[in-house]
């Protein structure tokens, strides 16, 4: 110990604690927001409808929101024979039947209507849904699922 009554070990401890506190108060620069910036949600298909045309199923739907980044809407279908009773809640295998590509820039934030048709065989019950895809590859929410029976 020296004349002040403080030993060399206490000085080192005080120096280390002081240095640690000084480091704790110093930041790494400008702080950013705690979350990444929010993006506009992908426009969801709001009202998918199906009708039967000439050996085809015709779909119509609309989507509200910003359409500028939507590259396409992909149509998925699952089919079963009309002779089989429909099974509500049973798992279905949906297969891609086509894509409605956006060949123009979106029109902004208004609701837009779309139409798509695909060939179908009589004697089947079809379950159909649509999903938007962005230019980045991100996929939007699935639409409502519609059921249509194509009689012989």
N, C-alpha and C. Protein backbone atom coordinates (compact mmCIF):
# COMPACT_ATOMS: atom_id res chain seq x y z
N UNK A 1 0.83 -1.19 0.00
CA UNK A 1 0.00 0.00 0.00
C UNK A 1 0.86 1.24 0.00
N UNK A 2 0.34 2.29 -0.51
CA UNK A 2 1.07 3.55 -0.53
C UNK A 2 0.47 4.50 0.49
N UNK A 3 0.90 5.78 0.44
CA UNK A 3 0.48 6.75 1.44
C UNK A 3 -1.01 7.04 1.41
N UNK A 4 -1.66 6.92 0.26
CA UNK A 4 -3.08 7.23 0.18
C UNK A 4 -3.94 6.08 0.67
N UNK A 5 -3.35 4.94 0.92
CA UNK A 5 -4.09 3.79 1.42
C UNK A 5 -4.72 2.96 0.31
N UNK A 6 -4.41 3.28 -0.95
CA UNK A 6 -4.96 2.53 -2.08
C UNK A 6 -3.85 1.72 -2.70
N UNK A 7 -4.06 0.43 -2.81
CA UNK A 7 -3.05 -0.47 -3.37
C UNK A 7 -3.06 -0.45 -4.88
N UNK A 8 -2.00 -1.00 -5.51
CA UNK A 8 -1.91 -1.02 -6.96
C UNK A 8 -3.04 -1.85 -7.58
N UNK A 9 -3.50 -2.86 -6.89
CA UNK A 9 -4.58 -3.69 -7.42
C UNK A 9 -5.88 -2.90 -7.51
N UNK A 10 -6.15 -2.07 -6.53
CA UNK A 10 -7.36 -1.25 -6.52
C UNK A 10 -7.33 -0.22 -7.64
N UNK A 11 -6.15 0.32 -7.92
CA UNK A 11 -6.04 1.29 -9.01
C UNK A 11 -6.34 0.62 -10.35
N UNK A 12 -5.80 -0.57 -10.55
CA UNK A 12 -6.06 -1.29 -11.80
C UNK A 12 -7.55 -1.63 -11.95
N UNK A 13 -8.15 -2.05 -10.85
CA UNK A 13 -9.57 -2.37 -10.87
C UNK A 13 -10.40 -1.14 -11.19
N UNK A 14 -10.07 -0.02 -10.60
CA UNK A 14 -10.78 1.23 -10.86
C UNK A 14 -10.58 1.67 -12.31
N UNK A 15 -9.37 1.48 -12.83
CA UNK A 15 -9.07 1.86 -14.20
C UNK A 15 -9.86 0.98 -15.19
N UNK A 16 -9.91 -0.32 -14.94
CA UNK A 16 -10.64 -1.24 -15.81
C UNK A 16 -12.13 -0.95 -15.76
N UNK A 17 -12.69 -0.73 -14.58
CA UNK A 17 -14.11 -0.41 -14.47
C UNK A 17 -14.44 0.92 -15.15
N UNK A 18 -13.59 1.90 -15.00
CA UNK A 18 -13.81 3.19 -15.65
C UNK A 18 -13.77 3.06 -17.17
N UNK A 19 -12.79 2.30 -17.67
CA UNK A 19 -12.69 2.08 -19.10
C UNK A 19 -13.91 1.33 -19.63
N UNK A 20 -14.39 0.33 -18.90
CA UNK A 20 -15.58 -0.43 -19.30
C UNK A 20 -16.82 0.45 -19.34
N UNK A 21 -16.97 1.31 -18.35
CA UNK A 21 -18.12 2.23 -18.33
C UNK A 21 -18.05 3.21 -19.49
N UNK A 22 -16.85 3.67 -19.81
CA UNK A 22 -16.70 4.61 -20.93
C UNK A 22 -17.07 3.93 -22.24
N UNK A 23 -16.66 2.68 -22.41
CA UNK A 23 -17.02 1.95 -23.63
C UNK A 23 -18.52 1.71 -23.71
N UNK A 24 -19.16 1.46 -22.58
CA UNK A 24 -20.60 1.22 -22.55
C UNK A 24 -21.41 2.44 -22.94
N UNK A 25 -20.87 3.62 -22.71
CA UNK A 25 -21.59 4.85 -23.03
C UNK A 25 -21.39 5.28 -24.47
N UNK A 26 -20.38 4.77 -25.11
CA UNK A 26 -20.09 5.16 -26.48
C UNK A 26 -20.88 4.25 -27.41
N UNK A 27 -21.60 4.84 -28.34
CA UNK A 27 -22.38 4.06 -29.31
C UNK A 27 -21.57 3.81 -30.57
N UNK A 28 -22.17 3.10 -31.46
CA UNK A 28 -21.49 2.77 -32.71
C UNK A 28 -21.90 3.72 -33.83
N UNK A 29 -22.53 4.79 -33.53
CA UNK A 29 -22.93 5.73 -34.56
C UNK A 29 -24.41 6.03 -34.45
N UNK A 30 -24.99 6.41 -35.57
CA UNK A 30 -26.41 6.75 -35.59
C UNK A 30 -27.24 5.48 -35.47
N UNK A 31 -28.17 5.50 -34.59
CA UNK A 31 -29.04 4.34 -34.38
C UNK A 31 -30.14 4.34 -35.42
N UNK A 32 -30.44 3.17 -35.96
CA UNK A 32 -31.50 3.02 -36.93
C UNK A 32 -32.77 2.53 -36.26
N UNK A 33 -33.80 2.35 -37.03
CA UNK A 33 -35.06 1.84 -36.47
C UNK A 33 -34.87 0.39 -36.00
N UNK A 34 -35.61 -0.03 -34.99
CA UNK A 34 -35.44 -1.38 -34.47
C UNK A 34 -35.95 -2.47 -35.42
N UNK A 35 -36.78 -2.11 -36.39
CA UNK A 35 -37.34 -3.06 -37.34
C UNK A 35 -37.00 -2.60 -38.75
N UNK A 36 -36.93 -3.51 -39.71
CA UNK A 36 -36.74 -3.07 -41.09
C UNK A 36 -37.94 -2.25 -41.55
N UNK A 37 -37.74 -1.38 -42.52
CA UNK A 37 -38.86 -0.57 -42.99
C UNK A 37 -40.00 -1.44 -43.52
N UNK A 38 -41.21 -1.04 -43.25
CA UNK A 38 -42.38 -1.80 -43.69
C UNK A 38 -42.63 -1.56 -45.17
N UNK A 39 -42.93 -2.63 -45.89
CA UNK A 39 -43.27 -2.53 -47.30
C UNK A 39 -44.78 -2.67 -47.43
N UNK A 40 -45.28 -2.20 -48.55
CA UNK A 40 -46.71 -2.36 -48.81
C UNK A 40 -47.01 -3.85 -48.95
N UNK A 41 -48.15 -4.29 -48.45
CA UNK A 41 -48.48 -5.71 -48.59
C UNK A 41 -48.74 -6.07 -50.06
N UNK A 42 -48.50 -7.33 -50.38
CA UNK A 42 -48.75 -7.81 -51.73
C UNK A 42 -50.25 -7.82 -51.95
N UNK A 43 -50.72 -7.30 -53.09
CA UNK A 43 -52.17 -7.25 -53.33
C UNK A 43 -52.78 -8.65 -53.32
N UNK A 44 -53.75 -8.85 -52.48
CA UNK A 44 -54.42 -10.15 -52.38
C UNK A 44 -55.60 -10.21 -53.36
N UNK A 45 -55.82 -11.40 -53.90
CA UNK A 45 -56.99 -11.64 -54.73
C UNK A 45 -58.19 -11.63 -53.80
N UNK A 46 -59.18 -10.81 -54.10
CA UNK A 46 -60.26 -10.61 -53.13
C UNK A 46 -61.54 -11.36 -53.44
N UNK A 47 -61.80 -11.66 -54.69
CA UNK A 47 -63.12 -12.22 -55.01
C UNK A 47 -63.06 -13.15 -56.22
N UNK A 48 -62.35 -14.24 -56.10
CA UNK A 48 -62.23 -15.19 -57.20
C UNK A 48 -63.58 -15.81 -57.50
N UNK A 49 -63.95 -15.81 -58.79
CA UNK A 49 -65.20 -16.43 -59.25
C UNK A 49 -64.89 -17.30 -60.46
N UNK A 50 -65.69 -18.35 -60.66
CA UNK A 50 -65.49 -19.26 -61.79
C UNK A 50 -66.81 -19.51 -62.49
N UNK A 51 -66.75 -19.56 -63.82
CA UNK A 51 -67.90 -19.92 -64.64
C UNK A 51 -67.43 -20.92 -65.69
N UNK A 52 -68.38 -21.62 -66.30
CA UNK A 52 -68.04 -22.60 -67.32
C UNK A 52 -68.28 -21.98 -68.69
N UNK A 53 -67.25 -22.07 -69.54
CA UNK A 53 -67.35 -21.59 -70.91
C UNK A 53 -67.35 -22.78 -71.86
N UNK A 54 -66.95 -22.57 -73.09
CA UNK A 54 -66.87 -23.65 -74.08
C UNK A 54 -65.69 -24.56 -73.75
N UNK A 55 -65.95 -25.69 -73.08
CA UNK A 55 -64.92 -26.64 -72.68
C UNK A 55 -63.78 -25.97 -71.92
N UNK A 56 -64.11 -24.96 -71.17
CA UNK A 56 -63.11 -24.24 -70.40
C UNK A 56 -63.75 -23.68 -69.14
N UNK A 57 -62.92 -23.41 -68.17
CA UNK A 57 -63.36 -22.71 -66.96
C UNK A 57 -62.80 -21.30 -67.04
N UNK A 58 -63.66 -20.34 -66.86
CA UNK A 58 -63.28 -18.93 -66.94
C UNK A 58 -63.26 -18.37 -65.53
N UNK A 59 -62.13 -17.81 -65.15
CA UNK A 59 -61.96 -17.21 -63.82
C UNK A 59 -61.94 -15.70 -63.94
N UNK A 60 -62.54 -15.04 -62.98
CA UNK A 60 -62.44 -13.59 -62.86
C UNK A 60 -62.14 -13.27 -61.40
N UNK A 61 -61.35 -12.24 -61.20
CA UNK A 61 -61.03 -11.80 -59.85
C UNK A 61 -60.56 -10.35 -59.89
N UNK A 62 -60.48 -9.77 -58.73
CA UNK A 62 -59.90 -8.44 -58.62
C UNK A 62 -58.94 -8.45 -57.44
N UNK A 63 -58.09 -7.46 -57.44
CA UNK A 63 -57.10 -7.33 -56.37
C UNK A 63 -56.93 -5.85 -56.09
N UNK A 64 -57.03 -5.49 -54.84
CA UNK A 64 -56.85 -4.09 -54.45
C UNK A 64 -55.44 -3.90 -53.94
N UNK A 65 -54.90 -2.74 -54.14
CA UNK A 65 -53.57 -2.45 -53.64
C UNK A 65 -52.64 -2.02 -54.76
N UNK A 66 -51.36 -1.97 -54.45
CA UNK A 66 -50.35 -1.51 -55.38
C UNK A 66 -49.95 -2.66 -56.30
N UNK A 67 -50.21 -2.53 -57.59
CA UNK A 67 -49.95 -3.59 -58.56
C UNK A 67 -48.63 -3.42 -59.30
N UNK A 68 -47.88 -2.36 -59.01
CA UNK A 68 -46.66 -2.09 -59.78
C UNK A 68 -45.65 -3.22 -59.70
N UNK A 69 -45.55 -3.88 -58.56
CA UNK A 69 -44.53 -4.91 -58.40
C UNK A 69 -45.03 -6.32 -58.68
N UNK A 70 -46.31 -6.48 -59.01
CA UNK A 70 -46.85 -7.81 -59.29
C UNK A 70 -46.41 -8.23 -60.69
N UNK A 71 -45.77 -9.39 -60.78
CA UNK A 71 -45.30 -9.90 -62.07
C UNK A 71 -46.35 -10.81 -62.70
N UNK A 72 -47.05 -11.59 -61.86
CA UNK A 72 -48.01 -12.54 -62.41
C UNK A 72 -48.95 -13.03 -61.32
N UNK A 73 -50.02 -13.65 -61.76
CA UNK A 73 -50.95 -14.37 -60.90
C UNK A 73 -50.94 -15.82 -61.39
N UNK A 74 -50.65 -16.75 -60.50
CA UNK A 74 -50.59 -18.16 -60.87
C UNK A 74 -51.87 -18.84 -60.42
N UNK A 75 -52.44 -19.65 -61.31
CA UNK A 75 -53.70 -20.35 -61.06
C UNK A 75 -53.40 -21.81 -60.74
N UNK A 76 -54.00 -22.30 -59.65
CA UNK A 76 -53.82 -23.68 -59.21
C UNK A 76 -55.19 -24.36 -59.18
N UNK A 77 -55.20 -25.65 -59.52
CA UNK A 77 -56.46 -26.39 -59.56
C UNK A 77 -56.28 -27.80 -59.00
N UNK A 78 -57.33 -28.29 -58.41
CA UNK A 78 -57.41 -29.68 -57.96
C UNK A 78 -58.73 -30.22 -58.50
N UNK A 79 -58.71 -31.43 -59.05
CA UNK A 79 -59.96 -31.95 -59.62
C UNK A 79 -60.23 -33.35 -59.10
N UNK A 80 -61.53 -33.67 -59.06
CA UNK A 80 -61.98 -35.00 -58.66
C UNK A 80 -63.21 -35.35 -59.49
N UNK A 81 -63.47 -36.63 -59.62
CA UNK A 81 -64.64 -37.07 -60.41
C UNK A 81 -65.93 -36.63 -59.72
N UNK A 82 -66.90 -36.27 -60.54
CA UNK A 82 -68.21 -35.90 -60.00
C UNK A 82 -68.87 -37.08 -59.29
N UNK A 83 -68.52 -38.30 -59.70
CA UNK A 83 -69.11 -39.50 -59.07
C UNK A 83 -68.64 -39.66 -57.62
N UNK A 84 -67.52 -39.05 -57.26
CA UNK A 84 -67.04 -39.09 -55.88
C UNK A 84 -67.71 -37.96 -55.10
N UNK A 85 -68.12 -38.29 -53.88
CA UNK A 85 -68.74 -37.24 -53.08
C UNK A 85 -67.66 -36.24 -52.63
N UNK A 86 -68.00 -34.96 -52.60
CA UNK A 86 -67.00 -33.96 -52.19
C UNK A 86 -66.62 -34.16 -50.72
N UNK A 87 -65.37 -34.03 -50.44
CA UNK A 87 -64.87 -34.21 -49.08
C UNK A 87 -64.41 -32.86 -48.55
N UNK A 88 -65.24 -32.25 -47.73
CA UNK A 88 -64.89 -30.95 -47.14
C UNK A 88 -63.76 -31.13 -46.13
N UNK A 89 -62.74 -30.31 -46.24
CA UNK A 89 -61.64 -30.35 -45.29
C UNK A 89 -60.57 -31.38 -45.60
N UNK A 90 -60.78 -32.22 -46.61
CA UNK A 90 -59.77 -33.21 -46.98
C UNK A 90 -58.60 -32.51 -47.66
N UNK A 91 -57.39 -33.02 -47.46
CA UNK A 91 -56.25 -32.41 -48.15
C UNK A 91 -56.35 -32.62 -49.66
N UNK A 92 -55.97 -31.63 -50.41
CA UNK A 92 -56.04 -31.67 -51.86
C UNK A 92 -54.66 -31.39 -52.43
N UNK A 93 -54.39 -31.96 -53.58
CA UNK A 93 -53.16 -31.65 -54.30
C UNK A 93 -53.51 -30.67 -55.40
N UNK A 94 -53.05 -29.45 -55.25
CA UNK A 94 -53.29 -28.41 -56.24
C UNK A 94 -52.12 -28.38 -57.21
N UNK A 95 -52.43 -28.35 -58.51
CA UNK A 95 -51.41 -28.28 -59.54
C UNK A 95 -51.55 -26.97 -60.30
N UNK A 96 -50.43 -26.46 -60.74
CA UNK A 96 -50.42 -25.22 -61.52
C UNK A 96 -51.05 -25.48 -62.88
N UNK A 97 -52.05 -24.67 -63.22
CA UNK A 97 -52.69 -24.82 -64.53
C UNK A 97 -52.34 -23.67 -65.47
N UNK A 98 -51.78 -22.60 -64.94
CA UNK A 98 -51.40 -21.50 -65.80
C UNK A 98 -51.02 -20.26 -65.03
N UNK A 99 -50.54 -19.29 -65.78
CA UNK A 99 -50.10 -18.03 -65.20
C UNK A 99 -50.65 -16.86 -66.00
N UNK A 100 -51.21 -15.91 -65.30
CA UNK A 100 -51.66 -14.65 -65.92
C UNK A 100 -50.53 -13.65 -65.71
N UNK A 101 -49.73 -13.41 -66.76
CA UNK A 101 -48.58 -12.51 -66.65
C UNK A 101 -49.02 -11.07 -66.79
N UNK A 102 -48.35 -10.22 -66.07
CA UNK A 102 -48.61 -8.79 -66.14
C UNK A 102 -47.66 -8.22 -67.18
N UNK A 103 -48.17 -7.83 -68.33
CA UNK A 103 -47.32 -7.33 -69.40
C UNK A 103 -47.32 -5.81 -69.47
N UNK A 104 -47.61 -5.19 -68.35
CA UNK A 104 -47.62 -3.73 -68.28
C UNK A 104 -47.32 -3.31 -66.85
N UNK A 105 -47.02 -2.06 -66.68
CA UNK A 105 -46.81 -1.52 -65.34
C UNK A 105 -48.14 -1.42 -64.63
N UNK A 106 -48.13 -1.66 -63.33
CA UNK A 106 -49.35 -1.55 -62.55
C UNK A 106 -49.91 -0.14 -62.58
N UNK A 107 -51.17 -0.02 -62.32
CA UNK A 107 -51.86 1.26 -62.42
C UNK A 107 -51.90 2.01 -61.10
N UNK A 108 -51.26 1.48 -60.06
CA UNK A 108 -51.28 2.21 -58.80
C UNK A 108 -52.11 1.52 -57.76
N UNK A 109 -52.82 2.28 -56.96
CA UNK A 109 -53.48 1.74 -55.79
C UNK A 109 -54.97 1.49 -55.98
N UNK A 110 -55.44 1.33 -57.19
CA UNK A 110 -56.86 1.06 -57.39
C UNK A 110 -57.09 -0.43 -57.60
N UNK A 111 -58.32 -0.86 -57.40
CA UNK A 111 -58.65 -2.27 -57.62
C UNK A 111 -58.67 -2.54 -59.12
N UNK A 112 -58.12 -3.68 -59.51
CA UNK A 112 -58.09 -4.04 -60.91
C UNK A 112 -58.73 -5.40 -61.09
N UNK A 113 -59.39 -5.60 -62.24
CA UNK A 113 -60.07 -6.86 -62.54
C UNK A 113 -59.25 -7.66 -63.53
N UNK A 114 -59.25 -8.97 -63.35
CA UNK A 114 -58.48 -9.87 -64.20
C UNK A 114 -59.36 -11.02 -64.66
N UNK A 115 -58.96 -11.63 -65.77
CA UNK A 115 -59.68 -12.79 -66.29
C UNK A 115 -58.66 -13.79 -66.81
N UNK A 116 -58.95 -15.08 -66.61
CA UNK A 116 -58.08 -16.17 -67.05
C UNK A 116 -58.96 -17.37 -67.33
N UNK A 117 -58.64 -18.11 -68.39
CA UNK A 117 -59.41 -19.32 -68.67
C UNK A 117 -58.44 -20.47 -68.96
N UNK A 118 -58.90 -21.67 -68.64
CA UNK A 118 -58.10 -22.87 -68.93
C UNK A 118 -59.05 -23.99 -69.34
N UNK A 119 -58.55 -24.87 -70.19
CA UNK A 119 -59.39 -25.97 -70.68
C UNK A 119 -59.67 -26.95 -69.55
N UNK A 120 -60.88 -27.49 -69.57
CA UNK A 120 -61.32 -28.41 -68.53
C UNK A 120 -62.12 -29.54 -69.16
N UNK A 121 -62.10 -30.67 -68.50
CA UNK A 121 -62.83 -31.84 -69.00
C UNK A 121 -64.15 -31.98 -68.25
N UNK A 122 -65.21 -32.31 -68.96
CA UNK A 122 -66.49 -32.54 -68.28
C UNK A 122 -66.41 -33.79 -67.41
N UNK A 123 -67.27 -33.82 -66.39
CA UNK A 123 -67.31 -34.96 -65.48
C UNK A 123 -66.43 -34.80 -64.26
N UNK A 124 -65.90 -33.61 -64.05
CA UNK A 124 -65.00 -33.37 -62.92
C UNK A 124 -65.49 -32.19 -62.07
N UNK A 125 -65.11 -32.23 -60.83
CA UNK A 125 -65.32 -31.13 -59.88
C UNK A 125 -63.95 -30.47 -59.71
N UNK A 126 -63.91 -29.16 -59.90
CA UNK A 126 -62.65 -28.42 -59.82
C UNK A 126 -62.65 -27.51 -58.60
N UNK A 127 -61.56 -27.53 -57.87
CA UNK A 127 -61.28 -26.54 -56.83
C UNK A 127 -60.15 -25.68 -57.36
N UNK A 128 -60.33 -24.36 -57.31
CA UNK A 128 -59.38 -23.45 -57.95
C UNK A 128 -59.02 -22.33 -56.99
N UNK A 129 -57.74 -21.94 -57.03
CA UNK A 129 -57.28 -20.78 -56.26
C UNK A 129 -56.20 -20.05 -57.05
N UNK A 130 -55.96 -18.80 -56.71
CA UNK A 130 -55.02 -17.93 -57.42
C UNK A 130 -54.08 -17.31 -56.40
N UNK A 131 -52.82 -17.11 -56.82
CA UNK A 131 -51.84 -16.49 -55.91
C UNK A 131 -50.97 -15.51 -56.71
N UNK A 132 -50.79 -14.28 -56.20
CA UNK A 132 -49.93 -13.31 -56.88
C UNK A 132 -48.45 -13.57 -56.58
N UNK A 133 -47.61 -13.24 -57.54
CA UNK A 133 -46.15 -13.32 -57.38
C UNK A 133 -45.55 -11.98 -57.78
N UNK A 134 -44.60 -11.50 -56.97
CA UNK A 134 -43.93 -10.24 -57.28
C UNK A 134 -42.78 -10.47 -58.25
N UNK A 135 -42.25 -9.39 -58.79
CA UNK A 135 -41.10 -9.47 -59.69
C UNK A 135 -39.88 -10.03 -58.96
N UNK A 136 -39.82 -9.88 -57.65
CA UNK A 136 -38.70 -10.39 -56.86
C UNK A 136 -38.83 -11.89 -56.59
N UNK A 137 -39.98 -12.46 -56.91
CA UNK A 137 -40.21 -13.88 -56.65
C UNK A 137 -41.02 -14.12 -55.39
N UNK A 138 -41.23 -13.09 -54.60
CA UNK A 138 -42.03 -13.24 -53.38
C UNK A 138 -43.47 -13.56 -53.77
N UNK A 139 -44.11 -14.42 -52.98
CA UNK A 139 -45.49 -14.78 -53.30
C UNK A 139 -46.44 -14.15 -52.30
N UNK A 140 -47.58 -13.81 -52.81
CA UNK A 140 -48.60 -13.20 -51.98
C UNK A 140 -49.54 -14.24 -51.41
N UNK A 141 -50.56 -13.79 -50.71
CA UNK A 141 -51.50 -14.73 -50.09
C UNK A 141 -52.39 -15.42 -51.13
N UNK A 142 -52.80 -16.63 -50.81
CA UNK A 142 -53.71 -17.36 -51.69
C UNK A 142 -55.09 -16.71 -51.66
N UNK A 143 -55.79 -16.85 -52.76
CA UNK A 143 -57.16 -16.33 -52.84
C UNK A 143 -58.11 -17.27 -52.13
N UNK A 144 -59.37 -16.92 -52.15
CA UNK A 144 -60.40 -17.85 -51.73
C UNK A 144 -60.39 -19.02 -52.72
N UNK A 145 -60.85 -20.17 -52.29
CA UNK A 145 -60.93 -21.34 -53.17
C UNK A 145 -62.36 -21.47 -53.67
N UNK A 146 -62.50 -21.59 -54.99
CA UNK A 146 -63.83 -21.75 -55.57
C UNK A 146 -63.99 -23.20 -56.07
N UNK A 147 -65.21 -23.69 -56.00
CA UNK A 147 -65.51 -25.02 -56.50
C UNK A 147 -66.50 -24.89 -57.64
N UNK A 148 -66.24 -25.61 -58.72
CA UNK A 148 -67.17 -25.62 -59.85
C UNK A 148 -67.26 -27.03 -60.39
N UNK A 149 -68.48 -27.45 -60.72
CA UNK A 149 -68.71 -28.78 -61.24
C UNK A 149 -68.98 -28.68 -62.74
N UNK A 150 -68.17 -29.37 -63.50
CA UNK A 150 -68.27 -29.35 -64.96
C UNK A 150 -69.05 -30.61 -65.37
N UNK A 151 -70.34 -30.45 -65.60
CA UNK A 151 -71.22 -31.57 -65.95
C UNK A 151 -70.94 -32.06 -67.37
N UNK A 152 -71.29 -33.32 -67.62
CA UNK A 152 -71.11 -33.89 -68.98
C UNK A 152 -72.20 -33.39 -69.90
